[in-house]
Amino acid sequence: MLLNSVLLLGLASCGSAYKGLQRTDADAAACLEKFRPKFGSPALYSTQVDILQHHLSGLLYFRPMDNGSMRVLFMSEMGMKFFDFEFTKDGSFIKHYMLPKMDKKAVVKTLRKDFDMVLMRRDPATAKTFTGNGLRYTAFDLPKGKIYYITDTACTQLVRVENGSRRKPVVDVWLKQYRNGVPDSIDIRHHAVKFNISLQRVEK
């Protein structure tokens, strides 16, 4: 009897968190536009970053460029640069700088994906929409897994952004307290490793 219970628990744990989602024909563009951060001018955030054994604190800038790209620059309060990335208008990514001791391919790739989720710059025409658990999921395919923008079914509230594998969430992102189209706080939490970012907007 005990063995059967263990086997049932094992089978349940192997199920996909996304198995029950149902495809819909909802308008992805109209929904996402409500929550895409409107960085019309540089936005400054007090930032805490925990990456494996490293803890960094400082200021992070989202800076829109005249050519339509977005620069994401993180530095200490004394002005030492940690990283400087550019997300171009055509969807490309440029690493202008990364602190040498953190300049690992996996770290850069993870930061790129995290901030790509925050900026919401993907083409809505490539999205698919689903419903499930009383929520609406606007999904973008990745080489491995998907990015889900999860809202209520009427798309009036952004519950969270989620990077999911085929079976379970891998990263959760929360954008909260929007003012004039810009979130006051942004939190990024990874499930499997210590890789977390917390941002709180600073008024200039």
Protein backbone atom coordinates (compact mmCIF):
# COMPACT_ATOMS: atom_id res chain seq x y z
CA MET A 1 0.00 0.00 0.00
CA LEU A 2 2.84 2.38 0.92
CA LEU A 3 4.66 1.57 -2.33
CA ASN A 4 1.53 2.37 -4.36
CA SER A 5 1.18 5.73 -2.60
CA VAL A 6 4.80 6.60 -3.34
CA LEU A 7 4.34 5.67 -7.00
CA LEU A 8 1.21 7.82 -7.28
CA LEU A 9 2.99 10.78 -5.72
CA GLY A 10 5.86 10.30 -8.14
CA LEU A 11 3.53 10.25 -11.13
CA ALA A 12 1.72 13.38 -9.91
CA SER A 13 4.98 15.25 -9.52
CA CYS A 14 5.86 14.44 -13.14
CA GLY A 15 2.74 16.17 -14.49
CA SER A 16 3.01 19.44 -16.34
CA ALA A 17 1.92 22.68 -14.66
CA TYR A 18 0.63 23.78 -18.09
CA LYS A 19 -1.24 20.61 -19.08
CA GLY A 20 -4.70 22.06 -18.48
CA LEU A 21 -4.29 25.24 -20.54
CA GLN A 22 -6.85 25.75 -23.32
CA ARG A 23 -6.01 27.64 -26.53
CA THR A 24 -7.99 30.85 -27.24
CA ASP A 25 -8.08 33.50 -29.98
CA ALA A 26 -7.71 36.52 -27.68
CA ASP A 27 -5.92 39.68 -28.85
CA ALA A 28 -2.36 39.34 -27.52
CA ALA A 29 -1.21 42.78 -28.69
CA ALA A 30 -4.00 44.71 -26.96
CA CYS A 31 -3.45 42.82 -23.72
CA LEU A 32 0.33 43.13 -23.55
CA GLU A 33 0.37 46.80 -24.51
CA LYS A 34 -1.38 47.61 -21.22
CA PHE A 35 1.55 46.29 -19.20
CA ARG A 36 4.61 46.84 -21.39
CA PRO A 37 6.78 49.35 -19.46
CA LYS A 38 6.63 52.76 -21.17
CA PHE A 39 10.19 53.95 -20.64
CA GLY A 40 9.84 57.18 -22.61
CA SER A 41 12.73 58.68 -20.64
CA PRO A 42 15.49 57.12 -18.51
CA ALA A 43 14.16 55.33 -15.42
CA LEU A 44 16.33 54.75 -12.36
CA TYR A 45 15.97 51.87 -9.88
CA SER A 46 17.67 51.04 -6.60
CA THR A 47 18.73 47.45 -7.22
CA GLN A 48 19.81 44.34 -5.32
CA VAL A 49 21.23 41.40 -7.28
CA ASP A 50 22.11 37.95 -5.94
CA ILE A 51 23.90 35.80 -8.51
CA LEU A 52 25.21 32.54 -7.05
CA GLN A 53 27.77 33.64 -4.43
CA HIS A 54 27.80 37.29 -5.53
CA HIS A 55 25.68 40.03 -3.93
CA LEU A 56 25.59 43.36 -5.73
CA SER A 57 23.73 46.55 -4.92
CA GLY A 58 23.54 49.80 -6.79
CA LEU A 59 21.53 51.66 -9.39
CA LEU A 60 20.04 50.29 -12.59
CA TYR A 61 19.03 52.49 -15.51
CA PHE A 62 16.60 51.70 -18.28
CA ARG A 63 17.58 54.17 -20.99
CA PRO A 64 15.63 54.39 -24.28
CA MET A 65 17.86 55.35 -27.23
CA ASP A 66 17.03 57.49 -30.26
CA ASN A 67 17.48 54.47 -32.55
CA GLY A 68 14.68 52.55 -30.77
CA SER A 69 16.95 50.31 -28.71
CA MET A 70 16.94 50.05 -24.91
CA ARG A 71 20.08 50.21 -22.78
CA VAL A 72 20.09 48.48 -19.40
CA LEU A 73 22.98 49.70 -17.26
CA PHE A 74 23.73 48.52 -13.71
CA MET A 75 26.42 50.18 -11.59
CA SER A 76 27.36 50.69 -7.97
CA GLU A 77 26.44 53.93 -6.22
CA MET A 78 30.14 54.87 -6.51
CA GLY A 79 29.93 54.54 -10.30
CA MET A 80 31.60 51.14 -10.86
CA LYS A 81 29.87 49.42 -13.76
CA PHE A 82 28.56 45.86 -13.33
CA PHE A 83 26.94 45.39 -16.73
CA ASP A 84 25.77 47.38 -19.73
CA PHE A 85 23.40 45.68 -22.20
CA GLU A 86 21.53 46.88 -25.26
CA PHE A 87 18.26 45.41 -26.55
CA THR A 88 17.93 46.61 -30.13
CA LYS A 89 14.78 47.53 -32.00
CA ASP A 90 15.10 44.46 -34.26
CA GLY A 91 15.34 42.07 -31.30
CA SER A 92 19.11 41.67 -31.20
CA PHE A 93 21.20 41.85 -28.04
CA ILE A 94 24.54 43.57 -27.48
CA LYS A 95 26.74 43.09 -24.42
CA HIS A 96 28.66 46.34 -24.09
CA TYR A 97 30.21 45.38 -20.75
CA MET A 98 30.09 42.72 -18.05
CA LEU A 99 32.07 42.67 -14.80
CA PRO A 100 34.92 40.22 -15.58
CA LYS A 101 34.37 37.93 -12.57
CA MET A 102 30.71 37.52 -13.63
CA ASP A 103 31.30 37.41 -17.37
CA LYS A 104 30.15 33.85 -17.90
CA LYS A 105 28.08 32.78 -20.89
CA ALA A 106 25.33 31.30 -18.70
CA VAL A 107 25.10 34.45 -16.54
CA VAL A 108 24.84 36.79 -19.53
CA LYS A 109 22.27 34.52 -21.21
CA THR A 110 20.16 34.44 -18.06
CA LEU A 111 20.28 38.22 -17.56
CA ARG A 112 19.36 38.72 -21.20
CA LYS A 113 16.29 36.50 -20.86
CA ASP A 114 15.27 38.07 -17.55
CA PHE A 115 15.31 41.64 -18.86
CA ASP A 116 13.74 40.56 -22.13
CA MET A 117 10.80 39.32 -20.06
CA VAL A 118 10.59 42.67 -18.25
CA LEU A 119 10.81 44.85 -21.36
CA MET A 120 8.12 42.90 -23.29
CA ARG A 121 9.60 43.83 -26.65
CA ARG A 122 8.63 40.62 -28.47
CA ASP A 123 6.31 40.78 -31.48
CA PRO A 124 2.74 40.08 -30.26
CA ALA A 125 1.99 38.54 -33.66
CA THR A 126 4.11 35.54 -32.62
CA ALA A 127 2.21 34.99 -29.35
CA LYS A 128 -0.34 32.30 -28.55
CA THR A 129 -3.03 32.77 -25.91
CA PHE A 130 -4.41 30.24 -23.47
CA THR A 131 -6.73 30.15 -20.46
CA GLY A 132 -6.56 27.99 -17.37
CA ASN A 133 -6.86 28.19 -13.59
CA GLY A 134 -9.03 31.28 -13.99
CA LEU A 135 -6.17 33.13 -15.70
CA ARG A 136 -5.08 34.15 -19.18
CA TYR A 137 -1.64 33.11 -20.51
CA THR A 138 -0.05 35.00 -23.41
CA ALA A 139 2.81 32.76 -24.49
CA PHE A 140 5.94 33.21 -26.59
CA ASP A 141 7.99 30.21 -27.70
CA LEU A 142 11.65 29.95 -26.69
CA PRO A 143 14.19 27.39 -27.95
CA LYS A 144 13.47 25.64 -24.65
CA GLY A 145 10.16 26.38 -22.97
CA LYS A 146 8.03 29.52 -23.15
CA ILE A 147 7.56 32.96 -21.68
CA TYR A 148 4.07 33.46 -20.25
CA TYR A 149 2.51 36.85 -19.48
CA ILE A 150 -0.18 35.85 -17.00
CA THR A 151 -3.17 38.12 -16.40
CA ASP A 152 -6.75 37.81 -15.23
CA THR A 153 -9.04 36.58 -18.01
CA ALA A 154 -10.19 40.13 -18.84
CA CYS A 155 -6.58 41.32 -19.01
CA THR A 156 -7.04 44.09 -16.44
CA GLN A 157 -4.27 42.97 -14.09
CA LEU A 158 -0.80 41.52 -14.71
CA VAL A 159 -0.45 38.68 -12.20
CA ARG A 160 3.13 37.74 -13.11
CA VAL A 161 5.50 36.92 -15.95
CA GLU A 162 6.77 33.37 -16.05
CA ASN A 163 9.47 31.49 -17.90
CA GLY A 164 8.37 27.87 -17.95
CA SER A 165 9.95 24.66 -19.13
CA ARG A 166 7.69 22.02 -20.64
CA ARG A 167 6.63 20.93 -17.14
CA LYS A 168 7.10 23.70 -14.59
CA PRO A 169 7.96 27.35 -13.90
CA VAL A 170 11.65 28.23 -14.00
CA VAL A 171 11.61 32.01 -13.41
CA ASP A 172 8.93 34.34 -12.05
CA VAL A 173 8.84 38.11 -12.61
CA TRP A 174 6.54 40.61 -10.91
CA LEU A 175 5.99 44.17 -12.19
CA LYS A 176 3.94 46.17 -9.69
CA GLN A 177 2.52 49.60 -8.92
CA TYR A 178 2.56 51.12 -12.40
CA ARG A 179 2.66 54.92 -12.58
CA ASN A 180 2.41 56.60 -15.97
CA GLY A 181 3.08 53.26 -17.62
CA VAL A 182 6.22 52.46 -15.59
CA PRO A 183 6.34 49.90 -12.73
CA ASP A 184 7.61 51.14 -9.37
CA SER A 185 8.95 47.70 -8.42
CA ILE A 186 10.30 44.75 -10.39
CA ASP A 187 11.23 41.41 -8.83
CA ILE A 188 12.86 38.48 -10.62
CA ARG A 189 13.12 35.10 -8.89
CA HIS A 190 14.72 31.92 -10.24
CA HIS A 191 13.49 28.60 -8.90
CA ALA A 192 16.48 26.28 -9.29
CA VAL A 193 19.46 28.52 -8.46
CA LYS A 194 20.22 31.60 -6.38
CA PHE A 195 19.72 34.22 -9.07
CA ASN A 196 17.42 37.00 -7.92
CA ILE A 197 17.00 40.66 -8.81
CA SER A 198 14.95 43.27 -6.94
CA LEU A 199 14.39 46.79 -8.29
CA GLN A 200 12.67 49.74 -6.61
CA ARG A 201 12.15 52.89 -8.63
CA VAL A 202 13.96 56.03 -7.49
CA GLU A 203 12.47 59.43 -8.17
CA LYS A 204 15.00 61.83 -9.65
